[in-house]
Amino acid sequence: MNRLFLLLASIFWVSTASAQRGRDLGWVQGTVVDASTNEGLPFVRIIFSSSTGADTTVTDFDGFYLIRTPKRKLALRLDHTGYETYRSEVDPKDRIIFHDIALSSVKLKLGN
């Protein structure tokens, strides 16, 4: 009887903790495009960081991304070869926010 009670209590605790954790998470989605051509950029690395850690994702072939993040202010950084690094802040305090980004290509300086 005691073991059954402990088993049921632990199942209830795990399910309650998982449900609470789900309420503390939001979604950020958007598209990353080339600023001059407006075409989606594939495989752009996107890093969301806060004081408690970082989450990373990459865009798909069309430049689309979707990531589940904590519902608090996050620093956002995008890195892609040949493009300027993009930095911003997002705050997914609602369930989902949309954040589309246009990346500018790096201007190379040639000369002496």
PDB file of N, CA and C in Angstrom:
ATOM      1  N   MET A   1       0.824  -1.193   0.000  1.00  0.00           N
ATOM      2  CA  MET A   1       0.000   0.000   0.000  1.00  0.00           C
ATOM      3  C   MET A   1       0.872   1.262   0.000  1.00  0.00           C
ATOM      4  N   ASN A   2       1.914   1.248   0.827  1.00  0.00           N
ATOM      5  CA  ASN A   2       2.821   2.391   0.908  1.00  0.00           C
ATOM      6  C   ASN A   2       3.551   2.612  -0.423  1.00  0.00           C
ATOM      7  N   ARG A   3       3.985   1.528  -1.066  1.00  0.00           N
ATOM      8  CA  ARG A   3       4.686   1.633  -2.341  1.00  0.00           C
ATOM      9  C   ARG A   3       3.744   2.158  -3.434  1.00  0.00           C
ATOM     10  N   LEU A   4       2.512   1.712  -3.409  1.00  0.00           N
ATOM     11  CA  LEU A   4       1.540   2.189  -4.389  1.00  0.00           C
ATOM     12  C   LEU A   4       1.306   3.685  -4.220  1.00  0.00           C
ATOM     13  N   PHE A   5       1.198   4.132  -2.991  1.00  0.00           N
ATOM     14  CA  PHE A   5       1.021   5.565  -2.726  1.00  0.00           C
ATOM     15  C   PHE A   5       2.224   6.362  -3.222  1.00  0.00           C
ATOM     16  N   LEU A   6       3.438   5.898  -2.941  1.00  0.00           N
ATOM     17  CA  LEU A   6       4.643   6.580  -3.398  1.00  0.00           C
ATOM     18  C   LEU A   6       4.719   6.621  -4.925  1.00  0.00           C
ATOM     19  N   LEU A   7       4.340   5.519  -5.570  1.00  0.00           N
ATOM     20  CA  LEU A   7       4.346   5.479  -7.031  1.00  0.00           C
ATOM     21  C   LEU A   7       3.354   6.491  -7.605  1.00  0.00           C
ATOM     22  N   LEU A   8       2.146   6.516  -7.095  1.00  0.00           N
ATOM     23  CA  LEU A   8       1.132   7.456  -7.581  1.00  0.00           C
ATOM     24  C   LEU A   8       1.529   8.905  -7.297  1.00  0.00           C
ATOM     25  N   ALA A   9       2.105   9.141  -6.132  1.00  0.00           N
ATOM     26  CA  ALA A   9       2.533  10.494  -5.788  1.00  0.00           C
ATOM     27  C   ALA A   9       3.659  10.956  -6.704  1.00  0.00           C
ATOM     28  N   SER A  10       4.601  10.077  -7.010  1.00  0.00           N
ATOM     29  CA  SER A  10       5.702  10.471  -7.893  1.00  0.00           C
ATOM     30  C   SER A  10       5.212  10.702  -9.322  1.00  0.00           C
ATOM     31  N   ILE A  11       4.261   9.909  -9.812  1.00  0.00           N
ATOM     32  CA  ILE A  11       3.679  10.132 -11.143  1.00  0.00           C
ATOM     33  C   ILE A  11       2.974  11.474 -11.183  1.00  0.00           C
ATOM     34  N   PHE A  12       2.202  11.793 -10.145  1.00  0.00           N
ATOM     35  CA  PHE A  12       1.505  13.076 -10.079  1.00  0.00           C
ATOM     36  C   PHE A  12       2.509  14.231 -10.060  1.00  0.00           C
ATOM     37  N   TRP A  13       3.580  14.104  -9.285  1.00  0.00           N
ATOM     38  CA  TRP A  13       4.575  15.165  -9.180  1.00  0.00           C
ATOM     39  C   TRP A  13       5.271  15.401 -10.515  1.00  0.00           C
ATOM     40  N   VAL A  14       5.649  14.316 -11.213  1.00  0.00           N
ATOM     41  CA  VAL A  14       6.325  14.445 -12.512  1.00  0.00           C
ATOM     42  C   VAL A  14       5.396  15.092 -13.533  1.00  0.00           C
ATOM     43  N   SER A  15       4.138  14.675 -13.579  1.00  0.00           N
ATOM     44  CA  SER A  15       3.212  15.254 -14.553  1.00  0.00           C
ATOM     45  C   SER A  15       2.914  16.713 -14.235  1.00  0.00           C
ATOM     46  N   THR A  16       2.828  17.082 -12.976  1.00  0.00           N
ATOM     47  CA  THR A  16       2.602  18.471 -12.592  1.00  0.00           C
ATOM     48  C   THR A  16       3.814  19.331 -12.935  1.00  0.00           C
ATOM     49  N   ALA A  17       5.008  18.826 -12.672  1.00  0.00           N
ATOM     50  CA  ALA A  17       6.233  19.577 -12.987  1.00  0.00           C
ATOM     51  C   ALA A  17       6.370  19.770 -14.491  1.00  0.00           C
ATOM     52  N   SER A  18       6.043  18.756 -15.288  1.00  0.00           N
ATOM     53  CA  SER A  18       6.122  18.880 -16.744  1.00  0.00           C
ATOM     54  C   SER A  18       5.123  19.890 -17.270  1.00  0.00           C
ATOM     55  N   ALA A  19       3.913  19.883 -16.721  1.00  0.00           N
ATOM     56  CA  ALA A  19       2.894  20.840 -17.162  1.00  0.00           C
ATOM     57  C   ALA A  19       3.311  22.261 -16.797  1.00  0.00           C
ATOM     58  N   GLN A  20       3.879  22.461 -15.623  1.00  0.00           N
ATOM     59  CA  GLN A  20       4.337  23.787 -15.213  1.00  0.00           C
ATOM     60  C   GLN A  20       5.471  24.263 -16.095  1.00  0.00           C
ATOM     61  N   ARG A  21       6.401  23.377 -16.414  1.00  0.00           N
ATOM     62  CA  ARG A  21       7.518  23.731 -17.261  1.00  0.00           C
ATOM     63  C   ARG A  21       7.028  24.127 -18.646  1.00  0.00           C
ATOM     64  N   GLY A  22       6.009  23.465 -19.167  1.00  0.00           N
ATOM     65  CA  GLY A  22       5.438  23.801 -20.460  1.00  0.00           C
ATOM     66  C   GLY A  22       4.836  25.192 -20.476  1.00  0.00           C
ATOM     67  N   ARG A  23       4.277  25.649 -19.356  1.00  0.00           N
ATOM     68  CA  ARG A  23       3.707  26.995 -19.270  1.00  0.00           C
ATOM     69  C   ARG A  23       4.786  28.063 -19.222  1.00  0.00           C
ATOM     70  N   ASP A  24       5.992  27.709 -18.836  1.00  0.00           N
ATOM     71  CA  ASP A  24       7.089  28.666 -18.745  1.00  0.00           C
ATOM     72  C   ASP A  24       7.855  28.795 -20.055  1.00  0.00           C
ATOM     73  N   LEU A  25       7.392  28.098 -21.100  1.00  0.00           N
ATOM     74  CA  LEU A  25       8.079  28.131 -22.384  1.00  0.00           C
ATOM     75  C   LEU A  25       7.210  28.798 -23.441  1.00  0.00           C
ATOM     76  N   GLY A  26       7.859  29.495 -24.348  1.00  0.00           N
ATOM     77  CA  GLY A  26       7.176  30.112 -25.470  1.00  0.00           C
ATOM     78  C   GLY A  26       7.846  29.693 -26.765  1.00  0.00           C
ATOM     79  N   TRP A  27       7.362  30.220 -27.868  1.00  0.00           N
ATOM     80  CA  TRP A  27       7.907  29.897 -29.183  1.00  0.00           C
ATOM     81  C   TRP A  27       8.358  31.171 -29.874  1.00  0.00           C
ATOM     82  N   VAL A  28       9.446  31.093 -30.587  1.00  0.00           N
ATOM     83  CA  VAL A  28       9.897  32.184 -31.458  1.00  0.00           C
ATOM     84  C   VAL A  28      10.033  31.573 -32.842  1.00  0.00           C
ATOM     85  N   GLN A  29       9.402  32.231 -33.823  1.00  0.00           N
ATOM     86  CA  GLN A  29       9.520  31.732 -35.185  1.00  0.00           C
ATOM     87  C   GLN A  29       9.682  32.886 -36.151  1.00  0.00           C
ATOM     88  N   GLY A  30      10.239  32.602 -37.292  1.00  0.00           N
ATOM     89  CA  GLY A  30      10.419  33.638 -38.291  1.00  0.00           C
ATOM     90  C   GLY A  30      11.154  33.111 -39.492  1.00  0.00           C
ATOM     91  N   THR A  31      11.545  34.030 -40.348  1.00  0.00           N
ATOM     92  CA  THR A  31      12.283  33.709 -41.553  1.00  0.00           C
ATOM     93  C   THR A  31      13.494  34.625 -41.630  1.00  0.00           C
ATOM     94  N   VAL A  32      14.614  34.080 -42.042  1.00  0.00           N
ATOM     95  CA  VAL A  32      15.834  34.860 -42.244  1.00  0.00           C
ATOM     96  C   VAL A  32      16.053  34.950 -43.747  1.00  0.00           C
ATOM     97  N   VAL A  33      16.154  36.191 -44.239  1.00  0.00           N
ATOM     98  CA  VAL A  33      16.321  36.411 -45.674  1.00  0.00           C
ATOM     99  C   VAL A  33      17.543  37.272 -45.948  1.00  0.00           C
ATOM    100  N   ASP A  34      18.023  37.200 -47.190  1.00  0.00           N
ATOM    101  CA  ASP A  34      19.081  38.080 -47.666  1.00  0.00           C
ATOM    102  C   ASP A  34      18.466  39.461 -47.861  1.00  0.00           C
ATOM    103  N   ALA A  35      19.085  40.496 -47.314  1.00  0.00           N
ATOM    104  CA  ALA A  35      18.522  41.848 -47.362  1.00  0.00           C
ATOM    105  C   ALA A  35      18.418  42.396 -48.779  1.00  0.00           C
ATOM    106  N   SER A  36      19.307  42.001 -49.671  1.00  0.00           N
ATOM    107  CA  SER A  36      19.276  42.559 -51.024  1.00  0.00           C
ATOM    108  C   SER A  36      18.384  41.778 -51.980  1.00  0.00           C
ATOM    109  N   THR A  37      18.264  40.471 -51.804  1.00  0.00           N
ATOM    110  CA  THR A  37      17.462  39.660 -52.731  1.00  0.00           C
ATOM    111  C   THR A  37      16.120  39.228 -52.146  1.00  0.00           C
ATOM    112  N   ASN A  38      15.974  39.327 -50.835  1.00  0.00           N
ATOM    113  CA  ASN A  38      14.760  38.904 -50.122  1.00  0.00           C
ATOM    114  C   ASN A  38      14.500  37.399 -50.242  1.00  0.00           C
ATOM    115  N   GLU A  39      15.547  36.623 -50.515  1.00  0.00           N
ATOM    116  CA  GLU A  39      15.432  35.167 -50.585  1.00  0.00           C
ATOM    117  C   GLU A  39      15.809  34.563 -49.241  1.00  0.00           C
ATOM    118  N   GLY A  40      15.131  33.476 -48.880  1.00  0.00           N
ATOM    119  CA  GLY A  40      15.418  32.795 -47.628  1.00  0.00           C
ATOM    120  C   GLY A  40      16.833  32.257 -47.586  1.00  0.00           C
ATOM    121  N   LEU A  41      17.456  32.359 -46.414  1.00  0.00           N
ATOM    122  CA  LEU A  41      18.827  31.872 -46.232  1.00  0.00           C
ATOM    123  C   LEU A  41      18.814  30.557 -45.448  1.00  0.00           C
ATOM    124  N   PRO A  42      19.287  29.481 -46.066  1.00  0.00           N
ATOM    125  CA  PRO A  42      19.330  28.201 -45.350  1.00  0.00           C
ATOM    126  C   PRO A  42      20.537  28.108 -44.424  1.00  0.00           C
ATOM    127  N   PHE A  43      20.394  27.324 -43.375  1.00  0.00           N
ATOM    128  CA  PHE A  43      21.469  26.945 -42.451  1.00  0.00           C
ATOM    129  C   PHE A  43      22.094  28.117 -41.699  1.00  0.00           C
ATOM    130  N   VAL A  44      21.297  29.136 -41.394  1.00  0.00           N
ATOM    131  CA  VAL A  44      21.776  30.231 -40.551  1.00  0.00           C
ATOM    132  C   VAL A  44      21.709  29.759 -39.106  1.00  0.00           C
ATOM    133  N   ARG A  45      22.805  29.927 -38.379  1.00  0.00           N
ATOM    134  CA  ARG A  45      22.832  29.519 -36.964  1.00  0.00           C
ATOM    135  C   ARG A  45      22.214  30.618 -36.116  1.00  0.00           C
ATOM    136  N   ILE A  46      21.229  30.244 -35.296  1.00  0.00           N
ATOM    137  CA  ILE A  46      20.519  31.193 -34.437  1.00  0.00           C
ATOM    138  C   ILE A  46      20.727  30.767 -32.991  1.00  0.00           C
ATOM    139  N   ILE A  47      21.210  31.701 -32.174  1.00  0.00           N
ATOM    140  CA  ILE A  47      21.486  31.406 -30.768  1.00  0.00           C
ATOM    141  C   ILE A  47      20.639  32.326 -29.899  1.00  0.00           C
ATOM    142  N   PHE A  48      19.849  31.730 -29.016  1.00  0.00           N
ATOM    143  CA  PHE A  48      19.075  32.463 -28.019  1.00  0.00           C
ATOM    144  C   PHE A  48      19.749  32.223 -26.683  1.00  0.00           C
ATOM    145  N   SER A  49      20.209  33.282 -26.018  1.00  0.00           N
ATOM    146  CA  SER A  49      20.895  33.090 -24.745  1.00  0.00           C
ATOM    147  C   SER A  49      20.298  33.975 -23.666  1.00  0.00           C
ATOM    148  N   SER A  50      20.380  33.466 -22.459  1.00  0.00           N
ATOM    149  CA  SER A  50      19.935  34.206 -21.278  1.00  0.00           C
ATOM    150  C   SER A  50      20.931  33.913 -20.169  1.00  0.00           C
ATOM    151  N   SER A  51      20.643  34.404 -19.005  1.00  0.00           N
ATOM    152  CA  SER A  51      21.558  34.191 -17.882  1.00  0.00           C
ATOM    153  C   SER A  51      21.619  32.735 -17.451  1.00  0.00           C
ATOM    154  N   THR A  52      20.632  31.936 -17.861  1.00  0.00           N
ATOM    155  CA  THR A  52      20.595  30.537 -17.428  1.00  0.00           C
ATOM    156  C   THR A  52      21.059  29.551 -18.489  1.00  0.00           C
ATOM    157  N   GLY A  53      21.462  30.033 -19.658  1.00  0.00           N
ATOM    158  CA  GLY A  53      21.932  29.107 -20.678  1.00  0.00           C
ATOM    159  C   GLY A  53      21.625  29.602 -22.075  1.00  0.00           C
ATOM    160  N   ALA A  54      21.764  28.694 -23.050  1.00  0.00           N
ATOM    161  CA  ALA A  54      21.551  29.070 -24.444  1.00  0.00           C
ATOM    162  C   ALA A  54      20.858  27.934 -25.189  1.00  0.00           C
ATOM    163  N   ASP A  55      20.033  28.313 -26.159  1.00  0.00           N
ATOM    164  CA  ASP A  55      19.390  27.369 -27.066  1.00  0.00           C
ATOM    165  C   ASP A  55      19.815  27.751 -28.475  1.00  0.00           C
ATOM    166  N   THR A  56      20.021  26.764 -29.323  1.00  0.00           N
ATOM    167  CA  THR A  56      20.489  27.000 -30.686  1.00  0.00           C
ATOM    168  C   THR A  56      19.617  26.257 -31.668  1.00  0.00           C
ATOM    169  N   THR A  57      19.410  26.867 -32.833  1.00  0.00           N
ATOM    170  CA  THR A  57      18.728  26.203 -33.938  1.00  0.00           C
ATOM    171  C   THR A  57      19.334  26.706 -35.236  1.00  0.00           C
ATOM    172  N   VAL A  58      18.953  26.119 -36.348  1.00  0.00           N
ATOM    173  CA  VAL A  58      19.368  26.587 -37.672  1.00  0.00           C
ATOM    174  C   VAL A  58      18.132  26.707 -38.545  1.00  0.00           C
ATOM    175  N   THR A  59      18.225  27.570 -39.553  1.00  0.00           N
ATOM    176  CA  THR A  59      17.104  27.727 -40.474  1.00  0.00           C
ATOM    177  C   THR A  59      17.060  26.553 -41.446  1.00  0.00           C
ATOM    178  N   ASP A  60      15.862  26.319 -42.009  1.00  0.00           N
ATOM    179  CA  ASP A  60      15.722  25.258 -43.003  1.00  0.00           C
ATOM    180  C   ASP A  60      16.106  25.791 -44.384  1.00  0.00           C
ATOM    181  N   PHE A  61      15.798  25.051 -45.445  1.00  0.00           N
ATOM    182  CA  PHE A  61      16.184  25.443 -46.806  1.00  0.00           C
ATOM    183  C   PHE A  61      15.572  26.767 -47.239  1.00  0.00           C
ATOM    184  N   ASP A  62      14.414  27.128 -46.679  1.00  0.00           N
ATOM    185  CA  ASP A  62      13.733  28.368 -47.046  1.00  0.00           C
ATOM    186  C   ASP A  62      14.017  29.518 -46.087  1.00  0.00           C
ATOM    187  N   GLY A  63      14.892  29.306 -45.108  1.00  0.00           N
ATOM    188  CA  GLY A  63      15.219  30.342 -44.138  1.00  0.00           C
ATOM    189  C   GLY A  63      14.286  30.378 -42.943  1.00  0.00           C
ATOM    190  N   PHE A  64      13.389  29.406 -42.812  1.00  0.00           N
ATOM    191  CA  PHE A  64      12.419  29.377 -41.707  1.00  0.00           C
ATOM    192  C   PHE A  64      13.047  28.754 -40.467  1.00  0.00           C
ATOM    193  N   TYR A  65      12.688  29.297 -39.298  1.00  0.00           N
ATOM    194  CA  TYR A  65      13.117  28.700 -38.036  1.00  0.00           C
ATOM    195  C   TYR A  65      11.974  28.737 -37.032  1.00  0.00           C
ATOM    196  N   LEU A  66      12.014  27.821 -36.085  1.00  0.00           N
ATOM    197  CA  LEU A  66      11.041  27.737 -35.006  1.00  0.00           C
ATOM    198  C   LEU A  66      11.770  27.126 -33.823  1.00  0.00           C
ATOM    199  N   ILE A  67      11.693  27.782 -32.670  1.00  0.00           N
ATOM    200  CA  ILE A  67      12.393  27.276 -31.493  1.00  0.00           C
ATOM    201  C   ILE A  67      11.556  27.538 -30.258  1.00  0.00           C
ATOM    202  N   ARG A  68      11.596  26.613 -29.328  1.00  0.00           N
ATOM    203  CA  ARG A  68      10.913  26.756 -28.036  1.00  0.00           C
ATOM    204  C   ARG A  68      11.910  27.334 -27.053  1.00  0.00           C
ATOM    205  N   THR A  69      11.516  28.433 -26.391  1.00  0.00           N
ATOM    206  CA  THR A  69      12.435  29.150 -25.511  1.00  0.00           C
ATOM    207  C   THR A  69      11.755  29.490 -24.195  1.00  0.00           C
ATOM    208  N   PRO A  70      12.534  29.837 -23.181  1.00  0.00           N
ATOM    209  CA  PRO A  70      11.943  30.317 -21.926  1.00  0.00           C
ATOM    210  C   PRO A  70      11.211  31.636 -22.161  1.00  0.00           C
ATOM    211  N   LYS A  71      10.175  31.890 -21.374  1.00  0.00           N
ATOM    212  CA  LYS A  71       9.401  33.134 -21.481  1.00  0.00           C
ATOM    213  C   LYS A  71      10.070  34.233 -20.666  1.00  0.00           C
ATOM    214  N   ARG A  72      11.197  34.705 -21.158  1.00  0.00           N
ATOM    215  CA  ARG A  72      11.893  35.838 -20.555  1.00  0.00           C
ATOM    216  C   ARG A  72      12.762  36.481 -21.629  1.00  0.00           C
ATOM    217  N   LYS A  73      13.281  37.648 -21.330  1.00  0.00           N
ATOM    218  CA  LYS A  73      14.085  38.376 -22.311  1.00  0.00           C
ATOM    219  C   LYS A  73      15.324  37.563 -22.683  1.00  0.00           C
ATOM    220  N   LEU A  74      15.551  37.436 -23.993  1.00  0.00           N
ATOM    221  CA  LEU A  74      16.664  36.653 -24.494  1.00  0.00           C
ATOM    222  C   LEU A  74      17.501  37.476 -25.465  1.00  0.00           C
ATOM    223  N   ALA A  75      18.796  37.259 -25.444  1.00  0.00           N
ATOM    224  CA  ALA A  75      19.681  37.858 -26.443  1.00  0.00           C
ATOM    225  C   ALA A  75      19.679  36.931 -27.653  1.00  0.00           C
ATOM    226  N   LEU A  76      19.514  37.514 -28.822  1.00  0.00           N
ATOM    227  CA  LEU A  76      19.440  36.755 -30.063  1.00  0.00           C
ATOM    228  C   LEU A  76      20.648  37.100 -30.925  1.00  0.00           C
ATOM    229  N   ARG A  77      21.325  36.068 -31.455  1.00  0.00           N
ATOM    230  CA  ARG A  77      22.474  36.294 -32.335  1.00  0.00           C
ATOM    231  C   ARG A  77      22.383  35.344 -33.517  1.00  0.00           C
ATOM    232  N   LEU A  78      22.606  35.886 -34.714  1.00  0.00           N
ATOM    233  CA  LEU A  78      22.619  35.077 -35.930  1.00  0.00           C
ATOM    234  C   LEU A  78      23.987  35.156 -36.565  1.00  0.00           C
ATOM    235  N   ASP A  79      24.521  34.012 -36.956  1.00  0.00           N
ATOM    236  CA  ASP A  79      25.809  33.928 -37.634  1.00  0.00           C
ATOM    237  C   ASP A  79      25.629  33.157 -38.932  1.00  0.00           C
ATOM    238  N   HIS A  80      26.151  33.725 -40.025  1.00  0.00           N
ATOM    239  CA  HIS A  80      26.117  33.034 -41.308  1.00  0.00           C
ATOM    240  C   HIS A  80      27.306  33.517 -42.132  1.00  0.00           C
ATOM    241  N   THR A  81      28.023  32.603 -42.740  1.00  0.00           N
ATOM    242  CA  THR A  81      29.206  32.944 -43.513  1.00  0.00           C
ATOM    243  C   THR A  81      28.857  33.919 -44.634  1.00  0.00           C
ATOM    244  N   GLY A  82      29.616  35.009 -44.699  1.00  0.00           N
ATOM    245  CA  GLY A  82      29.415  36.003 -45.740  1.00  0.00           C
ATOM    246  C   GLY A  82      28.427  37.091 -45.375  1.00  0.00           C
ATOM    247  N   TYR A  83      27.856  37.010 -44.179  1.00  0.00           N
ATOM    248  CA  TYR A  83      26.867  37.996 -43.729  1.00  0.00           C
ATOM    249  C   TYR A  83      27.293  38.597 -42.400  1.00  0.00           C
ATOM    250  N   GLU A  84      26.849  39.822 -42.159  1.00  0.00           N
ATOM    251  CA  GLU A  84      27.135  40.476 -40.888  1.00  0.00           C
ATOM    252  C   GLU A  84      26.402  39.754 -39.760  1.00  0.00           C
ATOM    253  N   THR A  85      27.043  39.691 -38.599  1.00  0.00           N
ATOM    254  CA  THR A  85      26.401  39.095 -37.428  1.00  0.00           C
ATOM    255  C   THR A  85      25.242  39.986 -36.999  1.00  0.00           C
ATOM    256  N   TYR A  86      24.110  39.360 -36.735  1.00  0.00           N
ATOM    257  CA  TYR A  86      22.906  40.088 -36.326  1.00  0.00           C
ATOM    258  C   TYR A  86      22.701  39.859 -34.832  1.00  0.00           C
ATOM    259  N   ARG A  87      22.430  40.942 -34.103  1.00  0.00           N
ATOM    260  CA  ARG A  87      22.152  40.841 -32.660  1.00  0.00           C
ATOM    261  C   ARG A  87      20.872  41.606 -32.347  1.00  0.00           C
ATOM    262  N   SER A  88      20.090  41.050 -31.446  1.00  0.00           N
ATOM    263  CA  SER A  88      18.826  41.674 -31.055  1.00  0.00           C
ATOM    264  C   SER A  88      18.388  41.071 -29.731  1.00  0.00           C
ATOM    265  N   GLU A  89      17.290  41.566 -29.203  1.00  0.00           N
ATOM    266  CA  GLU A  89      16.673  40.972 -28.022  1.00  0.00           C
ATOM    267  C   GLU A  89      15.235  40.624 -28.353  1.00  0.00           C
ATOM    268  N   VAL A  90      14.781  39.497 -27.819  1.00  0.00           N
ATOM    269  CA  VAL A  90      13.387  39.092 -27.958  1.00  0.00           C
ATOM    270  C   VAL A  90      12.854  38.777 -26.570  1.00  0.00           C
ATOM    271  N   ASP A  91      11.559  38.897 -26.417  1.00  0.00           N
ATOM    272  CA  ASP A  91      10.923  38.608 -25.134  1.00  0.00           C
ATOM    273  C   ASP A  91       9.631  37.837 -25.400  1.00  0.00           C
ATOM    274  N   PRO A  92       9.721  36.490 -25.468  1.00  0.00           N
ATOM    275  CA  PRO A  92       8.532  35.694 -25.758  1.00  0.00           C
ATOM    276  C   PRO A  92       7.615  35.541 -24.545  1.00  0.00           C
ATOM    277  N   LYS A  93       7.167  36.686 -24.006  1.00  0.00           N
ATOM    278  CA  LYS A  93       6.304  36.625 -22.827  1.00  0.00           C
ATOM    279  C   LYS A  93       4.925  36.079 -23.176  1.00  0.00           C
ATOM    280  N   ASP A  94       4.533  36.185 -24.460  1.00  0.00           N
ATOM    281  CA  ASP A  94       3.310  35.543 -24.912  1.00  0.00           C
ATOM    282  C   ASP A  94       3.661  34.125 -25.340  1.00  0.00           C
ATOM    283  N   ARG A  95       2.703  33.403 -25.813  1.00  0.00           N
ATOM    284  CA  ARG A  95       2.955  32.027 -26.240  1.00  0.00           C
ATOM    285  C   ARG A  95       3.904  31.956 -27.426  1.00  0.00           C
ATOM    286  N   ILE A  96       3.748  32.857 -28.405  1.00  0.00           N
ATOM    287  CA  ILE A  96       4.574  32.793 -29.596  1.00  0.00           C
ATOM    288  C   ILE A  96       4.829  34.195 -30.114  1.00  0.00           C
ATOM    289  N   ILE A  97       6.041  34.442 -30.567  1.00  0.00           N
ATOM    290  CA  ILE A  97       6.331  35.717 -31.218  1.00  0.00           C
ATOM    291  C   ILE A  97       6.939  35.427 -32.582  1.00  0.00           C
ATOM    292  N   PHE A  98       6.750  36.358 -33.490  1.00  0.00           N
ATOM    293  CA  PHE A  98       7.259  36.234 -34.844  1.00  0.00           C
ATOM    294  C   PHE A  98       8.385  37.245 -35.017  1.00  0.00           C
ATOM    295  N   HIS A  99       9.522  36.783 -35.499  1.00  0.00           N
ATOM    296  CA  HIS A  99      10.687  37.646 -35.621  1.00  0.00           C
ATOM    297  C   HIS A  99      11.373  37.343 -36.955  1.00  0.00           C
ATOM    298  N   ASP A 100      11.016  38.107 -37.990  1.00  0.00           N
ATOM    299  CA  ASP A 100      11.647  37.964 -39.302  1.00  0.00           C
ATOM    300  C   ASP A 100      12.885  38.848 -39.353  1.00  0.00           C
ATOM    301  N   ILE A 101      13.934  38.368 -40.031  1.00  0.00           N
ATOM    302  CA  ILE A 101      15.226  39.052 -40.024  1.00  0.00           C
ATOM    303  C   ILE A 101      15.791  39.107 -41.439  1.00  0.00           C
ATOM    304  N   ALA A 102      16.317  40.269 -41.814  1.00  0.00           N
ATOM    305  CA  ALA A 102      17.016  40.426 -43.090  1.00  0.00           C
ATOM    306  C   ALA A 102      18.498  40.638 -42.791  1.00  0.00           C
ATOM    307  N   LEU A 103      19.340  39.737 -43.304  1.00  0.00           N
ATOM    308  CA  LEU A 103      20.781  39.837 -43.081  1.00  0.00           C
ATOM    309  C   LEU A 103      21.444  40.537 -44.259  1.00  0.00           C
ATOM    310  N   SER A 104      22.381  41.424 -43.950  1.00  0.00           N
ATOM    311  CA  SER A 104      23.154  42.129 -44.977  1.00  0.00           C
ATOM    312  C   SER A 104      24.473  41.408 -45.182  1.00  0.00           C
ATOM    313  N   SER A 105      24.906  41.339 -46.431  1.00  0.00           N
ATOM    314  CA  SER A 105      26.173  40.679 -46.711  1.00  0.00           C
ATOM    315  C   SER A 105      27.331  41.556 -46.236  1.00  0.00           C
ATOM    316  N   VAL A 106      28.436  40.912 -45.944  1.00  0.00           N
ATOM    317  CA  VAL A 106      29.629  41.606 -45.468  1.00  0.00           C
ATOM    318  C   VAL A 106      30.252  42.344 -46.640  1.00  0.00           C
ATOM    319  N   LYS A 107      30.626  43.593 -46.415  1.00  0.00           N
ATOM    320  CA  LYS A 107      31.323  44.396 -47.425  1.00  0.00           C
ATOM    321  C   LYS A 107      32.814  44.172 -47.256  1.00  0.00           C
ATOM    322  N   LEU A 108      33.421  43.583 -48.257  1.00  0.00           N
ATOM    323  CA  LEU A 108      34.854  43.306 -48.201  1.00  0.00           C
ATOM    324  C   LEU A 108      35.633  44.536 -48.647  1.00  0.00           C
ATOM    325  N   LYS A 109      36.693  44.832 -47.934  1.00  0.00           N
ATOM    326  CA  LYS A 109      37.569  45.954 -48.295  1.00  0.00           C
ATOM    327  C   LYS A 109      38.792  45.387 -48.991  1.00  0.00           C
ATOM    328  N   LEU A 110      38.939  45.748 -50.241  1.00  0.00           N
ATOM    329  CA  LEU A 110      40.100  45.306 -51.017  1.00  0.00           C
ATOM    330  C   LEU A 110      41.052  46.466 -51.195  1.00  0.00           C
ATOM    331  N   GLY A 111      42.302  46.183 -51.210  1.00  0.00           N
ATOM    332  CA  GLY A 111      43.268  47.260 -51.399  1.00  0.00           C
ATOM    333  C   GLY A 111      44.566  46.965 -50.689  1.00  0.00           C
ATOM    334  N   ASN A 112      45.316  48.023 -50.520  1.00  0.00           N
ATOM    335  CA  ASN A 112      46.663  47.897 -49.933  1.00  0.00           C
ATOM    336  C   ASN A 112      46.559  47.491 -48.527  1.00  0.00           C
TER     337      ASN A 112
END
